[in-house]
Amino acid sequence: MEEERRDTLLALIHMAEGDSPSACWDDLRAIELLRKQASREEQRELAMDERFVEYVVAETNERR
């Protein structure tokens, strides 16, 4: 994985896992981008919590 892509996905994961009302990005927007931009394997490669991976993937699968 390219370093720039890795950094972008890590930033999205960090934003998606947060729930601060004062954040400039809300967690739902970050989750939506993760659904579109990162595969399950990439999420795992970046050490995303497995329960969170399943949450992101489950939402994607429900829409199909």
Protein backbone atom coordinates (compact mmCIF):
# COMPACT_ATOMS: atom_id res chain seq x y z
CA MET A 1 0.00 0.00 0.00
CA GLU A 2 1.32 3.44 -0.91
CA GLU A 3 2.35 5.63 2.01
CA GLU A 4 -0.02 8.44 0.97
CA ARG A 5 -3.00 6.05 0.74
CA ARG A 6 -2.04 4.48 4.06
CA ASP A 7 -1.93 7.89 5.74
CA THR A 8 -5.31 8.85 4.27
CA LEU A 9 -6.97 5.63 5.41
CA LEU A 10 -5.42 5.93 8.87
CA ALA A 11 -6.80 9.46 9.15
CA LEU A 12 -10.27 8.21 8.15
CA ILE A 13 -10.08 5.40 10.69
CA HIS A 14 -9.08 7.86 13.41
CA MET A 15 -11.98 10.17 12.52
CA ALA A 16 -14.45 7.29 12.22
CA GLU A 17 -13.58 5.93 15.64
CA GLY A 18 -14.00 9.31 17.30
CA ASP A 19 -17.30 10.73 18.44
CA SER A 20 -16.42 14.24 19.48
CA PRO A 21 -19.22 16.72 18.75
CA SER A 22 -16.61 19.45 18.33
CA ALA A 23 -14.73 17.61 15.59
CA CYS A 24 -14.79 19.24 12.16
CA TRP A 25 -15.59 15.85 10.61
CA ASP A 26 -18.26 13.65 12.04
CA ASP A 27 -17.70 9.95 12.46
CA LEU A 28 -20.52 8.97 10.08
CA ARG A 29 -18.95 10.82 7.16
CA ALA A 30 -15.60 9.18 7.85
CA ILE A 31 -17.25 5.74 8.06
CA GLU A 32 -18.98 6.31 4.73
CA LEU A 33 -15.65 7.18 3.12
CA LEU A 34 -14.06 4.07 4.61
CA ARG A 35 -16.85 1.98 3.08
CA LYS A 36 -16.10 3.43 -0.32
CA GLN A 37 -12.32 3.64 -0.14
CA ALA A 38 -10.95 0.74 1.91
CA SER A 39 -11.40 -2.97 1.52
CA ARG A 40 -11.84 -5.24 4.51
CA GLU A 41 -8.27 -6.45 4.01
CA GLU A 42 -6.90 -2.90 3.98
CA GLN A 43 -8.80 -2.06 7.15
CA ARG A 44 -7.31 -5.10 8.87
CA GLU A 45 -3.83 -4.33 7.53
CA LEU A 46 -4.08 -0.92 9.21
CA ALA A 47 -4.91 -2.61 12.54
CA MET A 48 -8.51 -1.43 12.65
CA ASP A 49 -10.47 -3.13 15.44
CA GLU A 50 -12.14 -6.26 14.04
CA ARG A 51 -15.56 -5.32 15.44
CA PHE A 52 -15.32 -1.98 13.69
CA VAL A 53 -14.27 -3.66 10.43
CA GLU A 54 -17.35 -5.86 10.62
CA TYR A 55 -19.55 -2.83 11.35
CA VAL A 56 -18.24 -0.97 8.30
CA VAL A 57 -18.51 -4.03 6.05
CA ALA A 58 -21.96 -5.02 7.35
CA GLU A 59 -23.41 -1.65 6.35
CA THR A 60 -21.92 -2.01 2.88
CA ASN A 61 -23.33 -5.50 2.42
CA GLU A 62 -26.81 -4.46 3.58
CA ARG A 63 -27.04 -1.92 0.79
CA ARG A 64 -26.38 -4.45 -1.98
